[in-house]
Amino acid sequence: MKSTFDSIKQGLSEALEFSGGKTQKAIVHEFSSVDVKALRAKLAMSQNEFASAFGISVSTLCHWERGDRTPQGPALVLLNVVAKEPELVMRALAS
């Protein structure tokens, strides 16, 4: 029980340090924006195919492509991975 408490206490201390600007211990992941329309064109997929392949609604895809909205969170992560390793993602999702 003590080790669990110590772990939580350490995590809280690190979170407080990070929020105070001390980021040397922190691992921060930043994901670049993705040109969704260009990515879809590169993969030679229609909007319906792309949306279906990656679990995105066609409506959301249209908003991204028009620039009305930008992908955030897990969607942005997925699109970054698709941009770098499209065949790998397609294989993984097909299994």
N, C-alpha and C. Protein backbone atom coordinates (compact mmCIF):
# COMPACT_ATOMS: atom_id res chain seq x y z
N MET A 1 0.82 -1.18 0.00
CA MET A 1 0.00 0.00 0.00
C MET A 1 0.87 1.26 0.00
N LYS A 2 1.97 1.21 0.73
CA LYS A 2 2.85 2.37 0.79
C LYS A 2 3.44 2.70 -0.57
N SER A 3 3.83 1.69 -1.35
CA SER A 3 4.42 1.97 -2.66
C SER A 3 3.40 2.62 -3.59
N THR A 4 2.14 2.24 -3.48
CA THR A 4 1.09 2.87 -4.29
C THR A 4 0.97 4.34 -3.91
N PHE A 5 0.95 4.61 -2.61
CA PHE A 5 0.86 6.00 -2.15
C PHE A 5 2.06 6.80 -2.63
N ASP A 6 3.26 6.23 -2.51
CA ASP A 6 4.47 6.93 -2.95
C ASP A 6 4.43 7.23 -4.44
N SER A 7 3.92 6.30 -5.23
CA SER A 7 3.81 6.50 -6.67
C SER A 7 2.84 7.64 -6.99
N ILE A 8 1.71 7.63 -6.33
CA ILE A 8 0.72 8.70 -6.54
C ILE A 8 1.29 10.04 -6.10
N LYS A 9 1.96 10.05 -4.96
CA LYS A 9 2.56 11.29 -4.45
C LYS A 9 3.61 11.82 -5.42
N GLN A 10 4.44 10.93 -5.97
CA GLN A 10 5.46 11.35 -6.93
C GLN A 10 4.81 11.92 -8.19
N GLY A 11 3.77 11.25 -8.69
CA GLY A 11 3.06 11.74 -9.88
C GLY A 11 2.46 13.11 -9.65
N LEU A 12 1.88 13.31 -8.48
CA LEU A 12 1.30 14.61 -8.15
C LEU A 12 2.38 15.68 -8.06
N SER A 13 3.50 15.35 -7.45
CA SER A 13 4.60 16.31 -7.37
C SER A 13 5.11 16.69 -8.75
N GLU A 14 5.23 15.69 -9.65
CA GLU A 14 5.69 15.97 -11.00
C GLU A 14 4.66 16.82 -11.76
N ALA A 15 3.39 16.56 -11.55
CA ALA A 15 2.34 17.35 -12.20
C ALA A 15 2.39 18.80 -11.73
N LEU A 16 2.60 19.00 -10.45
CA LEU A 16 2.69 20.36 -9.91
C LEU A 16 3.93 21.08 -10.46
N GLU A 17 5.05 20.37 -10.55
CA GLU A 17 6.26 20.96 -11.13
C GLU A 17 6.01 21.36 -12.59
N PHE A 18 5.37 20.47 -13.34
CA PHE A 18 5.09 20.74 -14.76
C PHE A 18 4.19 21.96 -14.90
N SER A 19 3.14 22.02 -14.08
CA SER A 19 2.23 23.17 -14.18
C SER A 19 2.92 24.46 -13.75
N GLY A 20 3.99 24.35 -12.97
CA GLY A 20 4.76 25.51 -12.56
C GLY A 20 5.85 25.89 -13.55
N GLY A 21 5.94 25.17 -14.66
CA GLY A 21 6.90 25.51 -15.69
C GLY A 21 8.18 24.69 -15.68
N LYS A 22 8.31 23.78 -14.73
CA LYS A 22 9.50 22.93 -14.67
C LYS A 22 9.23 21.68 -15.49
N THR A 23 9.63 21.72 -16.77
CA THR A 23 9.26 20.65 -17.69
C THR A 23 10.40 19.69 -18.04
N GLN A 24 11.55 19.80 -17.39
CA GLN A 24 12.68 18.97 -17.78
C GLN A 24 12.43 17.48 -17.59
N LYS A 25 11.60 17.07 -16.65
CA LYS A 25 11.32 15.65 -16.43
C LYS A 25 10.14 15.15 -17.27
N ALA A 26 9.38 16.05 -17.81
CA ALA A 26 8.14 15.69 -18.50
C ALA A 26 8.41 15.20 -19.92
N ILE A 27 7.62 14.23 -20.33
CA ILE A 27 7.62 13.78 -21.72
C ILE A 27 6.35 14.34 -22.34
N VAL A 28 6.51 15.25 -23.27
CA VAL A 28 5.38 15.92 -23.90
C VAL A 28 5.32 15.48 -25.37
N HIS A 29 4.18 14.95 -25.76
CA HIS A 29 3.99 14.52 -27.14
C HIS A 29 3.20 15.59 -27.88
N GLU A 30 3.77 16.08 -28.95
CA GLU A 30 3.08 17.05 -29.79
C GLU A 30 2.92 16.45 -31.17
N PHE A 31 1.74 16.59 -31.73
CA PHE A 31 1.45 16.01 -33.02
C PHE A 31 1.22 17.13 -34.02
N SER A 32 1.85 16.98 -35.17
CA SER A 32 1.72 18.02 -36.19
C SER A 32 0.35 17.94 -36.85
N SER A 33 -0.07 19.06 -37.41
CA SER A 33 -1.34 19.07 -38.12
C SER A 33 -1.20 18.25 -39.40
N VAL A 34 -2.33 17.78 -39.90
CA VAL A 34 -2.33 16.92 -41.08
C VAL A 34 -3.25 17.54 -42.12
N ASP A 35 -2.77 17.62 -43.36
CA ASP A 35 -3.62 18.04 -44.47
C ASP A 35 -4.43 16.81 -44.87
N VAL A 36 -5.62 16.70 -44.34
CA VAL A 36 -6.43 15.50 -44.50
C VAL A 36 -6.78 15.26 -45.96
N LYS A 37 -7.12 16.30 -46.67
CA LYS A 37 -7.49 16.15 -48.08
C LYS A 37 -6.31 15.63 -48.90
N ALA A 38 -5.12 16.16 -48.64
CA ALA A 38 -3.92 15.71 -49.36
C ALA A 38 -3.59 14.27 -48.98
N LEU A 39 -3.77 13.92 -47.71
CA LEU A 39 -3.52 12.55 -47.27
C LEU A 39 -4.48 11.59 -47.96
N ARG A 40 -5.74 11.95 -48.02
CA ARG A 40 -6.73 11.10 -48.68
C ARG A 40 -6.41 10.94 -50.17
N ALA A 41 -6.00 12.03 -50.81
CA ALA A 41 -5.63 11.98 -52.23
C ALA A 41 -4.40 11.10 -52.45
N LYS A 42 -3.44 11.21 -51.55
CA LYS A 42 -2.23 10.39 -51.63
C LYS A 42 -2.57 8.90 -51.56
N LEU A 43 -3.59 8.57 -50.76
CA LEU A 43 -4.01 7.18 -50.62
C LEU A 43 -4.98 6.76 -51.72
N ALA A 44 -5.33 7.70 -52.59
CA ALA A 44 -6.26 7.44 -53.71
C ALA A 44 -7.57 6.84 -53.22
N MET A 45 -8.13 7.47 -52.18
CA MET A 45 -9.39 6.98 -51.61
C MET A 45 -10.46 8.05 -51.75
N SER A 46 -11.68 7.61 -51.95
CA SER A 46 -12.81 8.55 -51.93
C SER A 46 -13.07 8.94 -50.48
N GLN A 47 -13.90 9.95 -50.30
CA GLN A 47 -14.23 10.35 -48.93
C GLN A 47 -14.90 9.19 -48.19
N ASN A 48 -15.80 8.50 -48.85
CA ASN A 48 -16.49 7.37 -48.21
C ASN A 48 -15.51 6.26 -47.84
N GLU A 49 -14.57 5.94 -48.73
CA GLU A 49 -13.60 4.89 -48.45
C GLU A 49 -12.70 5.28 -47.28
N PHE A 50 -12.21 6.52 -47.30
CA PHE A 50 -11.31 6.98 -46.24
C PHE A 50 -12.02 6.98 -44.89
N ALA A 51 -13.23 7.54 -44.87
CA ALA A 51 -14.01 7.61 -43.63
C ALA A 51 -14.28 6.21 -43.09
N SER A 52 -14.67 5.33 -43.95
CA SER A 52 -14.98 3.96 -43.54
C SER A 52 -13.74 3.23 -43.05
N ALA A 53 -12.63 3.39 -43.76
CA ALA A 53 -11.39 2.69 -43.41
C ALA A 53 -10.88 3.08 -42.03
N PHE A 54 -11.06 4.34 -41.64
CA PHE A 54 -10.47 4.82 -40.40
C PHE A 54 -11.48 5.20 -39.32
N GLY A 55 -12.74 4.81 -39.52
CA GLY A 55 -13.74 5.02 -38.49
C GLY A 55 -14.10 6.48 -38.25
N ILE A 56 -14.14 7.24 -39.31
CA ILE A 56 -14.45 8.67 -39.23
C ILE A 56 -15.76 8.89 -39.97
N SER A 57 -16.61 9.75 -39.46
CA SER A 57 -17.84 10.03 -40.21
C SER A 57 -17.49 10.87 -41.44
N VAL A 58 -18.25 10.68 -42.50
CA VAL A 58 -18.02 11.44 -43.73
C VAL A 58 -18.21 12.92 -43.45
N SER A 59 -19.17 13.25 -42.62
CA SER A 59 -19.42 14.65 -42.27
C SER A 59 -18.20 15.28 -41.60
N THR A 60 -17.62 14.57 -40.65
CA THR A 60 -16.42 15.07 -39.97
C THR A 60 -15.27 15.23 -40.96
N LEU A 61 -15.11 14.25 -41.82
CA LEU A 61 -14.06 14.31 -42.84
C LEU A 61 -14.23 15.53 -43.73
N CYS A 62 -15.45 15.81 -44.14
CA CYS A 62 -15.73 16.99 -44.98
C CYS A 62 -15.36 18.28 -44.25
N HIS A 63 -15.70 18.36 -42.97
CA HIS A 63 -15.35 19.55 -42.18
C HIS A 63 -13.84 19.73 -42.10
N TRP A 64 -13.12 18.63 -41.91
CA TRP A 64 -11.66 18.70 -41.85
C TRP A 64 -11.10 19.17 -43.18
N GLU A 65 -11.61 18.61 -44.26
CA GLU A 65 -11.08 18.96 -45.58
C GLU A 65 -11.39 20.40 -45.96
N ARG A 66 -12.53 20.92 -45.54
CA ARG A 66 -12.88 22.32 -45.82
C ARG A 66 -12.15 23.29 -44.90
N GLY A 67 -11.64 22.78 -43.79
CA GLY A 67 -10.96 23.64 -42.83
C GLY A 67 -11.88 24.25 -41.80
N ASP A 68 -13.14 23.79 -41.78
CA ASP A 68 -14.08 24.28 -40.76
C ASP A 68 -13.67 23.82 -39.37
N ARG A 69 -13.11 22.63 -39.31
CA ARG A 69 -12.64 22.04 -38.06
C ARG A 69 -11.28 21.42 -38.30
N THR A 70 -10.58 21.17 -37.21
CA THR A 70 -9.29 20.48 -37.32
C THR A 70 -9.32 19.24 -36.43
N PRO A 71 -8.68 18.18 -36.87
CA PRO A 71 -8.64 16.96 -36.04
C PRO A 71 -7.95 17.25 -34.70
N GLN A 72 -8.47 16.65 -33.65
CA GLN A 72 -7.92 16.83 -32.31
C GLN A 72 -7.75 15.46 -31.65
N GLY A 73 -6.96 15.40 -30.62
CA GLY A 73 -6.84 14.21 -29.78
C GLY A 73 -6.52 12.94 -30.55
N PRO A 74 -7.25 11.86 -30.24
CA PRO A 74 -6.96 10.57 -30.88
C PRO A 74 -7.07 10.60 -32.40
N ALA A 75 -7.98 11.39 -32.94
CA ALA A 75 -8.11 11.48 -34.39
C ALA A 75 -6.85 12.06 -35.01
N LEU A 76 -6.27 13.06 -34.37
CA LEU A 76 -5.03 13.66 -34.87
C LEU A 76 -3.88 12.67 -34.79
N VAL A 77 -3.83 11.90 -33.72
CA VAL A 77 -2.80 10.87 -33.58
C VAL A 77 -2.95 9.85 -34.71
N LEU A 78 -4.17 9.35 -34.91
CA LEU A 78 -4.41 8.37 -35.97
C LEU A 78 -3.99 8.91 -37.32
N LEU A 79 -4.37 10.13 -37.64
CA LEU A 79 -4.03 10.71 -38.94
C LEU A 79 -2.52 10.88 -39.11
N ASN A 80 -1.82 11.21 -38.04
CA ASN A 80 -0.36 11.30 -38.11
C ASN A 80 0.26 9.94 -38.39
N VAL A 81 -0.27 8.90 -37.78
CA VAL A 81 0.24 7.55 -38.02
C VAL A 81 -0.09 7.12 -39.44
N VAL A 82 -1.31 7.38 -39.89
CA VAL A 82 -1.70 7.04 -41.27
C VAL A 82 -0.80 7.77 -42.26
N ALA A 83 -0.49 9.03 -41.99
CA ALA A 83 0.37 9.79 -42.90
C ALA A 83 1.77 9.18 -43.00
N LYS A 84 2.26 8.61 -41.90
CA LYS A 84 3.62 8.05 -41.89
C LYS A 84 3.67 6.59 -42.31
N GLU A 85 2.66 5.80 -41.94
CA GLU A 85 2.66 4.36 -42.20
C GLU A 85 1.28 3.88 -42.65
N PRO A 86 0.79 4.35 -43.79
CA PRO A 86 -0.58 4.00 -44.18
C PRO A 86 -0.79 2.50 -44.37
N GLU A 87 0.16 1.78 -44.97
CA GLU A 87 -0.01 0.35 -45.20
C GLU A 87 -0.10 -0.41 -43.88
N LEU A 88 0.71 -0.02 -42.93
CA LEU A 88 0.72 -0.66 -41.61
C LEU A 88 -0.63 -0.48 -40.93
N VAL A 89 -1.16 0.72 -40.97
CA VAL A 89 -2.45 0.99 -40.33
C VAL A 89 -3.56 0.20 -41.02
N MET A 90 -3.54 0.19 -42.35
CA MET A 90 -4.56 -0.55 -43.08
C MET A 90 -4.51 -2.04 -42.75
N ARG A 91 -3.29 -2.58 -42.65
CA ARG A 91 -3.15 -4.00 -42.29
C ARG A 91 -3.66 -4.26 -40.89
N ALA A 92 -3.31 -3.38 -39.96
CA ALA A 92 -3.72 -3.56 -38.56
C ALA A 92 -5.24 -3.48 -38.43
N LEU A 93 -5.86 -2.57 -39.14
CA LEU A 93 -7.31 -2.41 -39.04
C LEU A 93 -8.06 -3.51 -39.77
N ALA A 94 -7.42 -4.15 -40.73
CA ALA A 94 -8.08 -5.22 -41.49
C ALA A 94 -8.11 -6.54 -40.71
N SER A 95 -7.26 -6.67 -39.72
CA SER A 95 -7.16 -7.92 -38.96
C SER A 95 -8.36 -8.12 -38.06
